[in-house]
């Protein structure tokens, strides 16, 4: 039980950590990329503005002062183009790979664009310093490959960091979970031990009370007539308490492997015997108890414990099925497991109570109650036994239609035998 809790707690912690790391990584990535591209754009804009400021018209000839060394432009992955007012190319500097073919916009305004080759393009109109007339254009371009490579390295770094952080955090989370669960497990073990000890110690006084009540009822001489009913009530209450202590003792032992004797079991025989055993009781309530069970169903498990589990389910069906109803015990092989259904046409269980039927000592208004000296632990015991056999038990139900308990157990050996119905 605690192993599953540890596992769920570990996965929950790991999921929360992964979401936090993912959110942090995305935030860091977005901010870093935004700043990186902004810095690259500002740098290119600053160069373009200073270059455009040096341009002038001398005797109707468009001239500029700044010249860029080819090696510097190649290293910076940049290129510059000068155009006259009619947008005719006058000169260009830089590698042709960094030359953009974007068309000019209709209006001579400053534009920052990204072309289809992934180049950043800044187009500046150049105005005459004297009369502010348009004399040409400067187009500065630069490759964003270096920016993309930096982003790729950032992604790798974030991914590696997230993986390392997840591994280290998972180790730390596992250690913290163990530390947190140890006191709980110790308290639970002490509680189970106390329950087992108390149940064991209650056996003797309850047996003494039951024996004396039976003797008094067997030899009623000298007993007032009204005392007989009192002794019967004492005997009935004693039987209920005895059943409760036995059930509590069994529940405290289900978590101990040593209390189970695993052997090869003929499940077909076990189920048919149980149906035959409880058929008279069902008939006494005018209930039809039928079976449809496969031949040659073999399991590895504790036969006595499994018999107790299926007995609880059959008795539960008989108790909550009204006269004229039906109960069917059926089995079916599905791959490496066998599915056993105990289905009745009883009063059913309310949908909001389906998750509670296996809780210890739980009682619902219509779906579950103490009955005929029952302890209210039958379904909890069944669930514990089935889980110990690496199986599952589920329930489906509808009010006034019926209930079906579905037990799945791993099968040890299954030949393609026929189905026996009786």
Protein backbone atom coordinates (compact mmCIF):
# COMPACT_ATOMS: atom_id res chain seq x y z
CA UNK A 1 0.00 0.00 0.00
CA UNK A 2 2.70 2.50 1.01
CA UNK A 3 4.78 1.53 -2.00
CA UNK A 4 1.99 2.78 -4.27
CA UNK A 5 1.67 5.97 -2.23
CA UNK A 6 5.43 6.55 -2.51
CA UNK A 7 5.26 5.95 -6.24
CA UNK A 8 2.35 8.38 -6.76
CA UNK A 9 4.02 11.00 -4.56
CA UNK A 10 7.28 10.61 -6.47
CA UNK A 11 5.54 10.99 -9.84
CA UNK A 12 3.57 14.00 -8.60
CA UNK A 13 6.73 15.73 -7.38
CA UNK A 14 8.52 14.90 -10.62
CA UNK A 15 5.63 16.25 -12.70
CA UNK A 16 5.48 19.51 -10.75
CA UNK A 17 9.25 19.92 -11.03
CA UNK A 18 9.16 19.21 -14.77
CA UNK A 19 6.42 21.83 -15.26
CA UNK A 20 8.38 24.40 -13.23
CA UNK A 21 11.58 23.69 -15.18
CA UNK A 22 9.72 23.85 -18.49
CA UNK A 23 8.08 27.14 -17.62
CA UNK A 24 11.38 28.62 -16.40
CA UNK A 25 13.26 27.39 -19.47
CA UNK A 26 10.65 28.87 -21.83
CA UNK A 27 10.73 32.20 -20.00
CA UNK A 28 14.55 32.33 -20.07
CA UNK A 29 14.57 31.35 -23.75
CA UNK A 30 12.03 33.99 -24.77
CA UNK A 31 13.79 36.79 -22.87
CA UNK A 32 17.23 35.75 -24.11
CA UNK A 33 16.17 35.49 -27.77
CA UNK A 34 14.36 38.82 -27.61
CA UNK A 35 17.40 40.57 -26.13
CA UNK A 36 19.80 38.84 -28.52
CA UNK A 37 17.87 39.86 -31.64
CA UNK A 38 17.32 43.36 -30.30
CA UNK A 39 21.06 43.83 -29.71
CA UNK A 40 21.87 42.57 -33.22
CA UNK A 41 19.30 44.94 -34.74
CA UNK A 42 20.50 47.92 -32.72
CA UNK A 43 24.10 47.25 -33.72
CA UNK A 44 23.23 47.08 -37.43
CA UNK A 45 21.00 50.16 -37.13
CA UNK A 46 23.77 52.14 -35.47
CA UNK A 47 26.21 51.29 -38.30
CA UNK A 48 23.60 52.09 -40.95
CA UNK A 49 22.73 55.45 -39.40
CA UNK A 50 26.36 56.52 -39.10
CA UNK A 51 26.99 55.46 -42.69
CA UNK A 52 23.90 57.27 -43.99
CA UNK A 53 24.92 60.40 -42.10
CA UNK A 54 28.20 60.50 -44.01
CA UNK A 55 26.50 60.50 -47.43
CA UNK A 56 26.15 63.74 -49.43
CA UNK A 57 25.65 65.09 -52.94
CA UNK A 58 28.67 66.82 -54.40
CA UNK A 59 28.12 68.44 -57.79
CA UNK A 60 25.05 66.26 -58.38
CA UNK A 61 27.07 63.18 -57.54
CA UNK A 62 26.04 60.92 -54.68
CA UNK A 63 29.04 60.24 -52.41
CA UNK A 64 29.65 58.65 -49.01
CA UNK A 65 32.63 58.69 -46.74
CA UNK A 66 32.57 55.38 -44.87
CA UNK A 67 34.10 52.38 -46.61
CA UNK A 68 34.01 48.94 -45.02
CA UNK A 69 36.93 46.50 -45.40
CA UNK A 70 35.70 43.34 -47.19
CA UNK A 71 37.24 41.06 -44.54
CA UNK A 72 35.40 42.89 -41.77
CA UNK A 73 32.08 42.60 -43.60
CA UNK A 74 32.69 38.88 -44.24
CA UNK A 75 33.40 38.23 -40.59
CA UNK A 76 30.39 40.23 -39.49
CA UNK A 77 28.23 38.55 -42.17
CA UNK A 78 27.02 41.98 -43.32
CA UNK A 79 26.56 43.78 -46.61
CA UNK A 80 25.75 47.38 -47.64
CA UNK A 81 24.11 48.76 -50.79
CA UNK A 82 23.81 52.36 -51.96
CA UNK A 83 21.00 53.46 -54.25
CA UNK A 84 20.23 56.81 -55.84
CA UNK A 85 16.87 58.56 -55.51
CA UNK A 86 15.49 56.50 -58.39
CA UNK A 87 16.51 53.34 -56.48
CA UNK A 88 19.21 52.48 -58.97
CA UNK A 89 22.05 50.49 -57.43
CA UNK A 90 25.23 52.53 -57.27
CA UNK A 91 27.54 50.29 -55.25
CA UNK A 92 27.51 47.36 -52.87
CA UNK A 93 29.99 45.99 -50.38
CA UNK A 94 30.06 42.58 -48.76
CA UNK A 95 29.48 38.96 -49.72
CA UNK A 96 26.68 38.41 -52.24
CA UNK A 97 25.18 35.82 -49.83
CA UNK A 98 24.23 38.68 -47.55
CA UNK A 99 22.61 40.80 -50.28
CA UNK A 100 18.82 41.01 -50.03
CA UNK A 101 16.43 41.19 -52.96
CA UNK A 102 13.52 42.68 -51.04
CA UNK A 103 11.63 45.29 -53.10
CA UNK A 104 11.57 48.92 -51.98
CA UNK A 105 8.49 50.25 -50.32
CA UNK A 106 6.55 53.05 -51.97
CA UNK A 107 7.33 55.61 -49.28
CA UNK A 108 10.92 56.49 -48.35
CA UNK A 109 10.76 55.51 -44.68
CA UNK A 110 13.08 53.59 -42.37
CA UNK A 111 12.22 49.88 -42.49
CA UNK A 112 13.53 46.87 -40.60
CA UNK A 113 12.56 43.57 -42.27
CA UNK A 114 13.45 39.88 -42.47
CA UNK A 115 13.61 38.51 -46.01
CA UNK A 116 12.98 35.01 -47.30
CA UNK A 117 16.65 34.05 -46.84
CA UNK A 118 16.55 34.85 -43.15
CA UNK A 119 18.52 38.09 -43.53
CA UNK A 120 17.78 41.15 -41.47
CA UNK A 121 17.34 44.14 -43.76
CA UNK A 122 17.39 47.81 -42.74
CA UNK A 123 16.52 50.37 -45.42
CA UNK A 124 17.30 54.03 -44.71
CA UNK A 125 16.34 56.98 -46.94
CA UNK A 126 19.25 59.44 -47.27
CA UNK A 127 18.33 63.13 -47.21
CA UNK A 128 20.43 66.07 -48.33
CA UNK A 129 21.80 67.94 -45.34
CA UNK A 130 21.02 71.31 -46.83
CA UNK A 131 17.52 71.06 -48.25
CA UNK A 132 16.39 67.73 -46.79
CA UNK A 133 15.64 66.38 -50.24
CA UNK A 134 15.80 62.64 -50.89
CA UNK A 135 19.11 61.83 -52.55
CA UNK A 136 19.25 58.04 -52.20
CA UNK A 137 18.95 54.98 -50.07
CA UNK A 138 21.21 52.85 -47.90
CA UNK A 139 20.34 49.20 -47.43
CA UNK A 140 22.21 47.32 -44.67
CA UNK A 141 21.79 43.57 -44.32
CA UNK A 142 23.18 40.99 -41.97
CA UNK A 143 22.86 37.23 -41.54
CA UNK A 144 21.11 35.87 -38.46
CA UNK A 145 22.92 32.53 -38.64
CA UNK A 146 25.11 33.42 -35.68
CA UNK A 147 22.02 34.39 -33.70
CA UNK A 148 20.36 31.08 -34.65
CA UNK A 149 23.49 29.15 -33.63
CA UNK A 150 23.53 30.94 -30.29
CA UNK A 151 19.87 30.05 -29.78
CA UNK A 152 20.58 26.42 -30.68
CA UNK A 153 23.40 26.30 -28.11
CA UNK A 154 21.06 27.86 -25.58
CA UNK A 155 18.43 25.17 -26.29
CA UNK A 156 21.02 22.42 -25.80
CA UNK A 157 22.19 24.00 -22.57
CA UNK A 158 18.65 24.36 -21.25
CA UNK A 159 17.81 20.77 -22.20
CA UNK A 160 20.93 19.36 -20.56
CA UNK A 161 20.35 21.51 -17.49
CA UNK A 162 16.74 20.40 -17.25
CA UNK A 163 17.72 16.72 -17.55
CA UNK A 164 20.44 17.03 -14.90
CA UNK A 165 18.11 18.99 -12.61
CA UNK A 166 15.35 16.40 -13.08
CA UNK A 167 17.68 13.48 -12.31
CA UNK A 168 19.12 15.15 -9.23
CA UNK A 169 15.71 16.29 -8.05
CA UNK A 170 14.23 12.83 -8.57
CA UNK A 171 16.95 11.36 -6.37
CA UNK A 172 16.34 14.03 -3.76
CA UNK A 173 12.58 13.61 -4.01
CA UNK A 174 12.88 9.86 -3.53
CA UNK A 175 15.03 10.36 -0.45
CA UNK A 176 12.68 13.00 0.99
CA UNK A 177 9.66 10.79 0.30
CA UNK A 178 11.25 7.93 2.22
CA UNK A 179 12.08 10.22 5.11
CA UNK A 180 8.54 11.61 5.17
CA UNK A 181 6.83 8.23 4.86
CA UNK A 182 8.89 6.37 7.49
CA UNK A 183 7.06 7.85 10.53
CA UNK A 184 3.70 7.23 8.83
CA UNK A 185 4.61 3.63 8.04
CA UNK A 186 5.88 3.05 11.56
CA UNK A 187 2.66 4.47 13.03
CA UNK A 188 0.58 2.33 10.68
CA UNK A 189 2.55 -0.78 11.58
CA UNK A 190 2.10 -0.05 15.30
CA UNK A 191 -1.64 0.46 14.71
CA UNK A 192 -1.86 -2.83 12.79
CA UNK A 193 0.06 -4.62 15.50
CA UNK A 194 -2.21 -3.16 18.17
CA UNK A 195 -5.29 -4.22 16.16
CA UNK A 196 -3.91 -7.71 15.74
CA UNK A 197 -2.99 -8.01 19.41
CA UNK A 198 -6.34 -6.62 20.56
CA UNK A 199 -8.23 -8.94 18.21
CA UNK A 200 -6.23 -11.91 19.42
CA UNK A 201 -6.72 -11.05 23.09
CA UNK A 202 -10.46 -10.52 22.61
CA UNK A 203 -10.91 -14.07 21.39
CA UNK A 204 -10.73 -15.66 24.85
CA UNK A 205 -13.25 -13.45 26.71
CA UNK A 206 -15.62 -13.51 23.76
CA UNK A 207 -15.42 -17.29 23.64
CA UNK A 208 -16.13 -17.44 27.38
CA UNK A 209 -19.17 -15.18 27.00
CA UNK A 210 -20.44 -17.16 24.04
CA UNK A 211 -19.94 -20.50 25.81
CA UNK A 212 -21.75 -19.38 28.95
CA UNK A 213 -24.62 -17.94 26.92
CA UNK A 214 -24.98 -21.22 25.02
CA UNK A 215 -24.93 -23.23 28.27
CA UNK A 216 -27.62 -21.00 29.74
CA UNK A 217 -29.76 -21.42 26.64
CA UNK A 218 -29.19 -25.20 26.59
CA UNK A 219 -30.24 -25.64 30.22
CA UNK A 220 -32.97 -23.09 30.83
CA UNK A 221 -34.16 -24.67 34.11
CA UNK A 222 -34.43 -22.07 36.82
CA UNK A 223 -34.26 -19.24 34.26
CA UNK A 224 -37.03 -16.73 34.03
CA UNK A 225 -38.86 -16.74 30.69
CA UNK A 226 -37.76 -13.17 29.96
CA UNK A 227 -34.09 -14.09 30.48
CA UNK A 228 -34.04 -16.37 27.40
CA UNK A 229 -34.35 -13.45 25.02
CA UNK A 230 -31.59 -11.60 26.84
CA UNK A 231 -29.23 -14.55 26.57
CA UNK A 232 -30.05 -14.88 22.89
CA UNK A 233 -29.20 -11.20 22.39
CA UNK A 234 -25.94 -11.75 24.30
CA UNK A 235 -25.07 -14.74 22.13
CA UNK A 236 -25.87 -12.85 18.92
CA UNK A 237 -23.82 -9.81 19.96
CA UNK A 238 -20.95 -12.08 20.98
CA UNK A 239 -21.01 -13.78 17.57
CA UNK A 240 -20.91 -10.39 15.89
CA UNK A 241 -17.95 -9.26 17.99
CA UNK A 242 -16.16 -12.55 17.36
CA UNK A 243 -16.64 -12.16 13.60
CA UNK A 244 -15.39 -8.59 13.79
CA UNK A 245 -12.23 -9.56 15.67
CA UNK A 246 -11.53 -12.40 13.22
CA UNK A 247 -11.98 -10.05 10.26
CA UNK A 248 -9.74 -7.40 11.81
CA UNK A 249 -7.11 -10.03 12.52
CA UNK A 250 -7.28 -11.23 8.91
CA UNK A 251 -6.94 -7.70 7.55
CA UNK A 252 -3.84 -7.03 9.65
CA UNK A 253 -2.25 -10.19 8.25
CA UNK A 254 -3.01 -9.67 4.56
CA UNK A 255 0.04 -7.42 4.13
CA UNK A 256 2.34 -10.18 5.35
CA UNK A 257 3.46 -12.59 2.65
CA UNK A 258 4.26 -15.19 5.28
CA UNK A 259 0.56 -15.47 6.15
CA UNK A 260 -0.21 -16.66 2.60
CA UNK A 261 0.52 -20.16 1.35
CA UNK A 262 0.90 -19.93 -2.42
CA UNK A 263 0.22 -23.16 -4.29
CA UNK A 264 -1.30 -24.27 -7.56
CA UNK A 265 -5.08 -23.88 -7.33
CA UNK A 266 -7.88 -25.30 -9.45
CA UNK A 267 -10.06 -22.21 -9.63
CA UNK A 268 -12.80 -24.07 -11.51
CA UNK A 269 -13.29 -26.48 -8.62
CA UNK A 270 -13.08 -23.69 -6.04
CA UNK A 271 -15.82 -21.63 -7.72
CA UNK A 272 -18.13 -24.57 -8.47
CA UNK A 273 -17.84 -25.77 -4.86
CA UNK A 274 -18.71 -22.33 -3.53
CA UNK A 275 -21.73 -22.02 -5.82
CA UNK A 276 -22.94 -25.45 -4.74
CA UNK A 277 -22.37 -24.54 -1.08
CA UNK A 278 -24.37 -21.31 -1.17
CA UNK A 279 -27.10 -22.41 -3.57
CA UNK A 280 -29.34 -23.72 -0.72
CA UNK A 281 -29.02 -20.40 1.09
CA UNK A 282 -29.97 -18.53 -2.10
CA UNK A 283 -32.90 -20.86 -2.71
CA UNK A 284 -34.07 -20.21 0.84
CA UNK A 285 -34.43 -16.56 -0.16
CA UNK A 286 -36.07 -17.55 -3.48
CA UNK A 287 -32.99 -16.40 -5.41
CA UNK A 288 -31.66 -18.26 -8.43
CA UNK A 289 -27.90 -18.81 -8.10
CA UNK A 290 -26.34 -20.04 -11.34
CA UNK A 291 -22.80 -20.47 -12.67
CA UNK A 292 -20.99 -20.39 -16.00
CA UNK A 293 -17.40 -21.36 -15.26
CA UNK A 294 -14.56 -22.44 -17.56
CA UNK A 295 -12.82 -25.78 -17.11
CA UNK A 296 -9.10 -25.96 -16.30
CA UNK A 297 -8.56 -22.58 -14.65
CA UNK A 298 -5.34 -22.74 -12.66
CA UNK A 299 -3.84 -20.07 -10.45
CA UNK A 300 -0.93 -19.69 -8.07
CA UNK A 301 -2.28 -18.51 -4.74
CA UNK A 302 -3.67 -19.25 -1.31
CA UNK A 303 -6.79 -21.37 -1.80
CA UNK A 304 -8.25 -20.66 1.64
CA UNK A 305 -7.82 -16.89 1.25
CA UNK A 306 -9.28 -16.85 -2.26
CA UNK A 307 -12.21 -18.96 -1.07
CA UNK A 308 -12.80 -16.33 1.63
CA UNK A 309 -12.68 -13.53 -0.95
CA UNK A 310 -15.21 -15.14 -3.30
CA UNK A 311 -17.37 -16.20 -0.35
CA UNK A 312 -17.65 -12.57 0.72
CA UNK A 313 -18.74 -11.54 -2.79
CA UNK A 314 -21.33 -14.34 -3.10
CA UNK A 315 -22.73 -13.67 0.37
CA UNK A 316 -22.88 -9.97 -0.38
CA UNK A 317 -24.87 -10.69 -3.56
CA UNK A 318 -27.28 -12.99 -1.70
CA UNK A 319 -27.80 -10.44 1.05
CA UNK A 320 -28.69 -7.56 -1.29
CA UNK A 321 -30.73 -9.45 -3.89
CA UNK A 322 -34.48 -9.55 -3.19
CA UNK A 323 -36.66 -12.63 -3.60
CA UNK A 324 -37.15 -13.60 -7.24
CA UNK A 325 -33.77 -12.19 -8.24
CA UNK A 326 -30.80 -13.88 -9.88
CA UNK A 327 -27.09 -14.19 -9.17
CA UNK A 328 -24.60 -15.44 -11.74
CA UNK A 329 -21.00 -16.45 -11.14
CA UNK A 330 -19.10 -16.54 -14.44
CA UNK A 331 -15.50 -16.70 -15.61
CA UNK A 332 -13.70 -15.83 -18.82
CA UNK A 333 -10.08 -16.07 -19.93
CA UNK A 334 -8.57 -12.88 -21.41
CA UNK A 335 -4.95 -13.32 -22.42
CA UNK A 336 -2.84 -14.06 -19.36
CA UNK A 337 -5.59 -13.43 -16.84
CA UNK A 338 -8.93 -14.83 -15.79
CA UNK A 339 -11.93 -12.56 -15.19
CA UNK A 340 -14.55 -13.66 -12.65
CA UNK A 341 -17.88 -11.83 -12.51
CA UNK A 342 -20.31 -12.06 -9.59
CA UNK A 343 -23.41 -10.32 -10.93
CA UNK A 344 -26.75 -9.90 -9.18
CA UNK A 345 -30.10 -8.23 -9.77
CA UNK A 346 -30.14 -6.65 -6.33
CA UNK A 347 -30.83 -3.19 -4.99
CA UNK A 348 -27.67 -1.71 -6.48
CA UNK A 349 -25.23 0.90 -5.24
CA UNK A 350 -25.56 4.64 -5.71
CA UNK A 351 -22.94 6.14 -8.08
CA UNK A 352 -21.53 8.39 -5.35
CA UNK A 353 -20.92 5.32 -3.16
CA UNK A 354 -19.05 3.15 -5.68
CA UNK A 355 -15.65 4.50 -4.60
CA UNK A 356 -16.46 3.73 -0.95
CA UNK A 357 -17.69 0.14 -1.03
CA UNK A 358 -14.23 -1.28 -0.30
CA UNK A 359 -13.59 1.05 2.66
CA UNK A 360 -13.38 -0.63 6.03
CA UNK A 361 -16.52 -0.37 8.19
CA UNK A 362 -18.22 1.91 5.66
CA UNK A 363 -22.00 1.76 5.54
CA UNK A 364 -24.31 3.26 2.94
CA UNK A 365 -28.01 3.84 3.37
CA UNK A 366 -28.98 1.25 0.77
CA UNK A 367 -25.75 -0.11 -0.62
CA UNK A 368 -24.05 -1.46 2.45
CA UNK A 369 -24.86 -2.13 6.08
CA UNK A 370 -24.19 -4.54 8.85
CA UNK A 371 -26.18 -7.72 8.28
CA UNK A 372 -26.66 -11.00 10.04
CA UNK A 373 -23.77 -10.38 12.38
CA UNK A 374 -21.53 -9.12 9.58
CA UNK A 375 -18.54 -6.98 10.50
CA UNK A 376 -18.68 -4.53 7.59
CA UNK A 377 -15.19 -5.64 6.56
CA UNK A 378 -16.06 -8.28 3.98
CA UNK A 379 -15.37 -6.27 0.83
CA UNK A 380 -12.24 -4.71 2.32
CA UNK A 381 -10.96 -8.21 3.07
CA UNK A 382 -11.80 -9.34 -0.46
CA UNK A 383 -9.91 -6.42 -1.97
CA UNK A 384 -6.86 -7.04 0.24
CA UNK A 385 -6.77 -10.74 -0.69
CA UNK A 386 -7.16 -10.10 -4.43
CA UNK A 387 -4.46 -7.41 -4.40
CA UNK A 388 -2.14 -9.83 -2.62
CA UNK A 389 -2.58 -12.21 -5.54
CA UNK A 390 -1.52 -9.44 -7.99
CA UNK A 391 -5.13 -9.04 -9.14
CA UNK A 392 -7.78 -6.35 -9.14
CA UNK A 393 -11.40 -6.12 -8.06
CA UNK A 394 -13.82 -3.53 -9.45
CA UNK A 395 -17.52 -2.88 -9.14
CA UNK A 396 -20.22 -1.56 -11.45
CA UNK A 397 -23.77 -0.96 -10.30
CA UNK A 398 -27.10 0.72 -10.96
CA UNK A 399 -29.77 1.42 -8.41
CA UNK A 400 -32.64 -1.13 -8.53
CA UNK A 401 -30.97 -2.95 -11.45
CA UNK A 402 -28.07 -4.78 -9.89
CA UNK A 403 -24.37 -4.94 -9.09
CA UNK A 404 -21.44 -6.71 -10.71
CA UNK A 405 -18.10 -7.33 -9.01
CA UNK A 406 -15.30 -8.01 -11.52
CA UNK A 407 -12.22 -9.86 -10.25
CA UNK A 408 -9.12 -10.18 -12.44
CA UNK A 409 -6.36 -12.62 -11.50
CA UNK A 410 -3.19 -13.69 -13.34
CA UNK A 411 -3.62 -17.20 -14.71
CA UNK A 412 -0.99 -19.91 -14.25
CA UNK A 413 -2.20 -22.49 -16.75
CA UNK A 414 -5.18 -22.43 -19.06
CA UNK A 415 -6.14 -25.09 -21.57
CA UNK A 416 -8.91 -24.36 -24.09
CA UNK A 417 -11.51 -26.17 -22.00
CA UNK A 418 -15.23 -25.81 -22.37
CA UNK A 419 -17.60 -23.94 -20.08
CA UNK A 420 -19.62 -25.70 -17.43
CA UNK A 421 -23.01 -24.23 -16.56
CA UNK A 422 -25.18 -25.34 -13.69
